Amino acid sequence: MSIGDNCCSTCKQATEEELLAQLDDVLAGYAEVPGALIPVLQITQAMFGYLPETALRKISARLNKPYSEVAGVVGFYSFFNTVPRGRHVVRVCLGTACYVRGGKAVLAALKAALRVEVGETTADRVFSLDVGRCFGACGLAPVIMIDDDVHQRVRPSRVVQILDPYRREAKAVEQGDGK
């Protein structure tokens, strides 16, 4: 996936009410399916971009599961997010090779450039910052990924330069000039 593949120019941002109505349709198809909770949570997160409490409560009610069970599953799996995510997810590898070759300094530079901590999203919702333990690119360390784009041998001094195309793309989309 490259810059801008997260949305298309004809997409409009659906309201929460519209998304909850779509969730009703999804839940209708899964109401009697054993083991439906995780697939429904995955679909819901894909729809909303995260898992809002209103959706979790609706899932709990429609699948006849206690809210504590639904929330427990969401809290257990790191894949699930209960806060809105940015248009682009920046992940810093902190596996052994990346850590030894400066991954921690790259992370510090990203925190400063984005003005967020790990797990947070920028105020403009363009970027979310996360870490990973190994991306399988040890020979290219240190490595960061922005969405599915791998950036190799990253230096703290290059972080702003790496982020700029993603910022420009997000600004173009916001202004209606991009994908």
C-alpha atoms as a PDB file:
ATOM      1  CA  MET A   1       0.000   0.000   0.000  1.00  0.00           C
ATOM      2  CA  SER A   2       1.398   3.398  -0.864  1.00  0.00           C
ATOM      3  CA  ILE A   3       0.657   6.910   0.263  1.00  0.00           C
ATOM      4  CA  GLY A   4      -3.023   7.673  -0.147  1.00  0.00           C
ATOM      5  CA  ASP A   5      -4.316   4.129  -0.507  1.00  0.00           C
ATOM      6  CA  ASN A   6      -6.290   4.439   2.739  1.00  0.00           C
ATOM      7  CA  CYS A   7      -9.146   6.274   1.035  1.00  0.00           C
ATOM      8  CA  CYS A   8     -10.412   7.213  -2.387  1.00  0.00           C
ATOM      9  CA  SER A   9     -11.391  10.616  -3.789  1.00  0.00           C
ATOM     10  CA  THR A  10     -15.052   9.654  -3.965  1.00  0.00           C
ATOM     11  CA  CYS A  11     -15.219   8.461  -0.345  1.00  0.00           C
ATOM     12  CA  LYS A  12     -17.100  10.659   2.060  1.00  0.00           C
ATOM     13  CA  GLN A  13     -16.634  10.396   5.771  1.00  0.00           C
ATOM     14  CA  ALA A  14     -19.599   8.481   7.133  1.00  0.00           C
ATOM     15  CA  THR A  15     -21.179   9.743  10.325  1.00  0.00           C
ATOM     16  CA  GLU A  16     -21.119   7.597  13.458  1.00  0.00           C
ATOM     17  CA  GLU A  17     -24.867   7.043  13.070  1.00  0.00           C
ATOM     18  CA  GLU A  18     -24.388   5.744   9.522  1.00  0.00           C
ATOM     19  CA  LEU A  19     -21.578   3.465  10.659  1.00  0.00           C
ATOM     20  CA  LEU A  20     -23.675   2.130  13.539  1.00  0.00           C
ATOM     21  CA  ALA A  21     -26.454   1.376  11.055  1.00  0.00           C
ATOM     22  CA  GLN A  22     -23.942  -0.526   8.897  1.00  0.00           C
ATOM     23  CA  LEU A  23     -22.806  -2.355  12.023  1.00  0.00           C
ATOM     24  CA  ASP A  24     -26.414  -3.468  12.575  1.00  0.00           C
ATOM     25  CA  ASP A  25     -26.299  -5.116   9.137  1.00  0.00           C
ATOM     26  CA  VAL A  26     -23.015  -6.853   9.974  1.00  0.00           C
ATOM     27  CA  LEU A  27     -24.346  -8.049  13.318  1.00  0.00           C
ATOM     28  CA  ALA A  28     -27.485  -9.430  11.698  1.00  0.00           C
ATOM     29  CA  GLY A  29     -25.280 -11.789   9.707  1.00  0.00           C
ATOM     30  CA  TYR A  30     -23.255 -12.883  12.726  1.00  0.00           C
ATOM     31  CA  ALA A  31     -25.881 -13.014  15.489  1.00  0.00           C
ATOM     32  CA  GLU A  32     -26.111 -16.812  15.540  1.00  0.00           C
ATOM     33  CA  VAL A  33     -22.569 -17.635  14.411  1.00  0.00           C
ATOM     34  CA  PRO A  34     -20.402 -19.336  17.064  1.00  0.00           C
ATOM     35  CA  GLY A  35     -17.059 -17.572  17.561  1.00  0.00           C
ATOM     36  CA  ALA A  36     -18.258 -14.399  15.857  1.00  0.00           C
ATOM     37  CA  LEU A  37     -16.837 -11.921  18.356  1.00  0.00           C
ATOM     38  CA  ILE A  38     -13.345 -11.469  16.946  1.00  0.00           C
ATOM     39  CA  PRO A  39     -14.433 -11.304  13.280  1.00  0.00           C
ATOM     40  CA  VAL A  40     -17.124  -8.763  14.209  1.00  0.00           C
ATOM     41  CA  LEU A  41     -14.580  -6.689  16.130  1.00  0.00           C
ATOM     42  CA  GLN A  42     -12.216  -6.782  13.147  1.00  0.00           C
ATOM     43  CA  ILE A  43     -14.959  -5.692  10.754  1.00  0.00           C
ATOM     44  CA  THR A  44     -16.071  -2.960  13.152  1.00  0.00           C
ATOM     45  CA  GLN A  45     -12.554  -1.611  13.529  1.00  0.00           C
ATOM     46  CA  ALA A  46     -12.153  -1.564   9.748  1.00  0.00           C
ATOM     47  CA  MET A  47     -15.399   0.421   9.456  1.00  0.00           C
ATOM     48  CA  PHE A  48     -14.759   2.985  12.220  1.00  0.00           C
ATOM     49  CA  GLY A  49     -10.970   3.006  12.182  1.00  0.00           C
ATOM     50  CA  TYR A  50     -11.089   2.066  15.879  1.00  0.00           C
ATOM     51  CA  LEU A  51     -13.577   0.530  18.319  1.00  0.00           C
ATOM     52  CA  PRO A  52     -15.761   3.199  19.914  1.00  0.00           C
ATOM     53  CA  GLU A  53     -17.606   2.314  23.113  1.00  0.00           C
ATOM     54  CA  THR A  54     -21.003   2.737  21.409  1.00  0.00           C
ATOM     55  CA  ALA A  55     -20.064   0.027  18.902  1.00  0.00           C
ATOM     56  CA  LEU A  56     -18.712  -2.264  21.623  1.00  0.00           C
ATOM     57  CA  ARG A  57     -21.959  -1.940  23.583  1.00  0.00           C
ATOM     58  CA  LYS A  58     -23.991  -2.709  20.448  1.00  0.00           C
ATOM     59  CA  ILE A  59     -21.828  -5.771  19.729  1.00  0.00           C
ATOM     60  CA  SER A  60     -22.236  -6.932  23.315  1.00  0.00           C
ATOM     61  CA  ALA A  61     -26.024  -6.656  23.146  1.00  0.00           C
ATOM     62  CA  ARG A  62     -26.457  -8.212  19.689  1.00  0.00           C
ATOM     63  CA  LEU A  63     -24.107 -11.146  20.321  1.00  0.00           C
ATOM     64  CA  ASN A  64     -25.558 -11.725  23.806  1.00  0.00           C
ATOM     65  CA  LYS A  65     -22.157 -11.369  25.451  1.00  0.00           C
ATOM     66  CA  PRO A  66     -21.415  -9.422  28.613  1.00  0.00           C
ATOM     67  CA  TYR A  67     -19.812  -6.068  27.894  1.00  0.00           C
ATOM     68  CA  SER A  68     -16.924  -7.101  30.158  1.00  0.00           C
ATOM     69  CA  GLU A  69     -16.185 -10.050  27.854  1.00  0.00           C
ATOM     70  CA  VAL A  70     -16.205  -7.866  24.733  1.00  0.00           C
ATOM     71  CA  ALA A  71     -14.033  -5.211  26.393  1.00  0.00           C
ATOM     72  CA  GLY A  72     -11.733  -7.935  27.727  1.00  0.00           C
ATOM     73  CA  VAL A  73     -11.111  -9.340  24.255  1.00  0.00           C
ATOM     74  CA  VAL A  74     -10.445  -5.836  22.904  1.00  0.00           C
ATOM     75  CA  GLY A  75      -8.019  -5.137  25.734  1.00  0.00           C
ATOM     76  CA  PHE A  76      -6.217  -8.452  25.357  1.00  0.00           C
ATOM     77  CA  TYR A  77      -5.384  -8.216  21.651  1.00  0.00           C
ATOM     78  CA  SER A  78      -2.995  -5.401  20.712  1.00  0.00           C
ATOM     79  CA  PHE A  79      -4.493  -5.306  17.207  1.00  0.00           C
ATOM     80  CA  PHE A  80      -7.619  -3.614  18.528  1.00  0.00           C
ATOM     81  CA  ASN A  81      -7.730   0.132  19.198  1.00  0.00           C
ATOM     82  CA  THR A  82     -10.246   2.000  21.326  1.00  0.00           C
ATOM     83  CA  VAL A  83      -9.017   5.448  20.314  1.00  0.00           C
ATOM     84  CA  PRO A  84      -9.119   6.961  16.824  1.00  0.00           C
ATOM     85  CA  ARG A  85      -6.062   6.209  14.731  1.00  0.00           C
ATOM     86  CA  GLY A  86      -4.292   8.512  12.349  1.00  0.00           C
ATOM     87  CA  ARG A  87      -4.562   8.327   8.600  1.00  0.00           C
ATOM     88  CA  HIS A  88      -1.022   6.910   8.636  1.00  0.00           C
ATOM     89  CA  VAL A  89       0.382   4.551  11.257  1.00  0.00           C
ATOM     90  CA  VAL A  90       4.093   5.013  11.931  1.00  0.00           C
ATOM     91  CA  ARG A  91       5.695   1.948  13.511  1.00  0.00           C
ATOM     92  CA  VAL A  92       9.264   1.918  14.785  1.00  0.00           C
ATOM     93  CA  CYS A  93      11.081  -1.394  15.037  1.00  0.00           C
ATOM     94  CA  LEU A  94      12.722  -1.881  18.409  1.00  0.00           C
ATOM     95  CA  GLY A  95      13.892  -5.429  17.814  1.00  0.00           C
ATOM     96  CA  THR A  96      17.485  -6.158  18.809  1.00  0.00           C
ATOM     97  CA  ALA A  97      19.180  -5.128  15.540  1.00  0.00           C
ATOM     98  CA  CYS A  98      17.131  -1.948  15.169  1.00  0.00           C
ATOM     99  CA  TYR A  99      17.556  -1.052  18.827  1.00  0.00           C
ATOM    100  CA  VAL A 100      21.352  -1.517  18.692  1.00  0.00           C
ATOM    101  CA  ARG A 101      21.622   0.457  15.455  1.00  0.00           C
ATOM    102  CA  GLY A 102      19.724   3.486  16.774  1.00  0.00           C
ATOM    103  CA  GLY A 103      16.039   2.600  16.819  1.00  0.00           C
ATOM    104  CA  LYS A 104      15.564   4.281  20.191  1.00  0.00           C
ATOM    105  CA  ALA A 105      16.995   7.562  18.834  1.00  0.00           C
ATOM    106  CA  VAL A 106      14.727   7.285  15.774  1.00  0.00           C
ATOM    107  CA  LEU A 107      11.749   6.795  18.082  1.00  0.00           C
ATOM    108  CA  ALA A 108      12.752   9.869  20.106  1.00  0.00           C
ATOM    109  CA  ALA A 109      13.019  11.908  16.897  1.00  0.00           C
ATOM    110  CA  LEU A 110       9.573  10.726  15.777  1.00  0.00           C
ATOM    111  CA  LYS A 111       8.050  11.590  19.155  1.00  0.00           C
ATOM    112  CA  ALA A 112       9.522  15.083  18.890  1.00  0.00           C
ATOM    113  CA  ALA A 113       8.494  15.585  15.251  1.00  0.00           C
ATOM    114  CA  LEU A 114       4.945  14.325  15.795  1.00  0.00           C
ATOM    115  CA  ARG A 115       4.564  15.682  19.350  1.00  0.00           C
ATOM    116  CA  VAL A 116       2.996  12.421  20.552  1.00  0.00           C
ATOM    117  CA  GLU A 117       3.964   9.443  22.667  1.00  0.00           C
ATOM    118  CA  VAL A 118       3.787   5.793  21.594  1.00  0.00           C
ATOM    119  CA  GLY A 119       0.155   4.745  21.224  1.00  0.00           C
ATOM    120  CA  GLU A 120      -1.065   8.289  20.582  1.00  0.00           C
ATOM    121  CA  THR A 121      -2.407  10.048  17.506  1.00  0.00           C
ATOM    122  CA  THR A 122      -1.508  13.539  16.367  1.00  0.00           C
ATOM    123  CA  ALA A 123      -4.129  16.235  16.967  1.00  0.00           C
ATOM    124  CA  ASP A 124      -4.786  16.505  13.216  1.00  0.00           C
ATOM    125  CA  ARG A 125      -5.264  12.690  13.051  1.00  0.00           C
ATOM    126  CA  VAL A 126      -2.654  12.344  10.323  1.00  0.00           C
ATOM    127  CA  PHE A 127      -0.262  10.062  12.252  1.00  0.00           C
ATOM    128  CA  SER A 128      -0.420   7.442  14.989  1.00  0.00           C
ATOM    129  CA  LEU A 129       2.840   6.268  16.550  1.00  0.00           C
ATOM    130  CA  ASP A 130       3.497   2.652  17.534  1.00  0.00           C
ATOM    131  CA  VAL A 131       6.456   0.354  18.111  1.00  0.00           C
ATOM    132  CA  GLY A 132       7.096  -3.207  17.067  1.00  0.00           C
ATOM    133  CA  ARG A 133       9.600  -5.797  18.194  1.00  0.00           C
ATOM    134  CA  CYS A 134      10.845  -7.094  14.839  1.00  0.00           C
ATOM    135  CA  PHE A 135       9.817  -6.360  11.264  1.00  0.00           C
ATOM    136  CA  GLY A 136      12.081  -9.039   9.759  1.00  0.00           C
ATOM    137  CA  ALA A 137      14.400  -6.504   8.125  1.00  0.00           C
ATOM    138  CA  CYS A 138      17.352  -6.721  10.513  1.00  0.00           C
ATOM    139  CA  GLY A 139      19.943  -6.146   7.786  1.00  0.00           C
ATOM    140  CA  LEU A 140      18.289  -2.797   7.007  1.00  0.00           C
ATOM    141  CA  ALA A 141      18.196  -1.571  10.607  1.00  0.00           C
ATOM    142  CA  PRO A 142      16.973   0.716  11.946  1.00  0.00           C
ATOM    143  CA  VAL A 143      13.627   0.368  10.207  1.00  0.00           C
ATOM    144  CA  ILE A 144      10.318   2.204  10.436  1.00  0.00           C
ATOM    145  CA  MET A 145       7.104   1.430   8.623  1.00  0.00           C
ATOM    146  CA  ILE A 146       4.520   3.991   7.641  1.00  0.00           C
ATOM    147  CA  ASP A 147       1.417   2.003   6.758  1.00  0.00           C
ATOM    148  CA  ASP A 148       2.929  -0.708   4.536  1.00  0.00           C
ATOM    149  CA  ASP A 149       5.897   1.380   3.346  1.00  0.00           C
ATOM    150  CA  VAL A 150       9.244   0.257   4.782  1.00  0.00           C
ATOM    151  CA  HIS A 151      11.880   2.920   5.401  1.00  0.00           C
ATOM    152  CA  GLN A 152      15.328   1.463   5.973  1.00  0.00           C
ATOM    153  CA  ARG A 153      18.523   2.678   7.644  1.00  0.00           C
ATOM    154  CA  VAL A 154      16.588   5.567   9.130  1.00  0.00           C
ATOM    155  CA  ARG A 155      18.530   8.308  10.877  1.00  0.00           C
ATOM    156  CA  PRO A 156      16.916  10.681  13.385  1.00  0.00           C
ATOM    157  CA  SER A 157      17.944  13.611  11.193  1.00  0.00           C
ATOM    158  CA  ARG A 158      15.871  12.199   8.284  1.00  0.00           C
ATOM    159  CA  VAL A 159      12.619  11.659  10.207  1.00  0.00           C
ATOM    160  CA  VAL A 160      10.986  14.956   9.194  1.00  0.00           C
ATOM    161  CA  GLN A 161      11.970  14.390   5.558  1.00  0.00           C
ATOM    162  CA  ILE A 162      10.416  10.898   5.650  1.00  0.00           C
ATOM    163  CA  LEU A 163       7.160  12.206   7.169  1.00  0.00           C
ATOM    164  CA  ASP A 164       6.727  15.154   4.771  1.00  0.00           C
ATOM    165  CA  PRO A 165       5.216  13.278   1.778  1.00  0.00           C
ATOM    166  CA  TYR A 166       2.615  11.726   4.072  1.00  0.00           C
ATOM    167  CA  ARG A 167       1.765  15.127   5.552  1.00  0.00           C
ATOM    168  CA  ARG A 168       1.444  16.669   2.084  1.00  0.00           C
ATOM    169  CA  GLU A 169      -0.783  13.820   0.917  1.00  0.00           C
ATOM    170  CA  ALA A 170      -3.034  14.149   3.964  1.00  0.00           C
ATOM    171  CA  LYS A 171      -3.291  17.904   3.463  1.00  0.00           C
ATOM    172  CA  ALA A 172      -4.152  17.418  -0.233  1.00  0.00           C
ATOM    173  CA  VAL A 173      -6.869  14.932   0.670  1.00  0.00           C
ATOM    174  CA  GLU A 174      -8.270  17.280   3.295  1.00  0.00           C
ATOM    175  CA  GLN A 175      -8.419  20.054   0.702  1.00  0.00           C
ATOM    176  CA  GLY A 176      -9.985  17.744  -1.852  1.00  0.00           C
ATOM    177  CA  ASP A 177      -6.934  17.754  -4.161  1.00  0.00           C
ATOM    178  CA  GLY A 178      -5.706  14.207  -3.569  1.00  0.00           C
ATOM    179  CA  LYS A 179      -6.835  10.618  -3.427  1.00  0.00           C
END
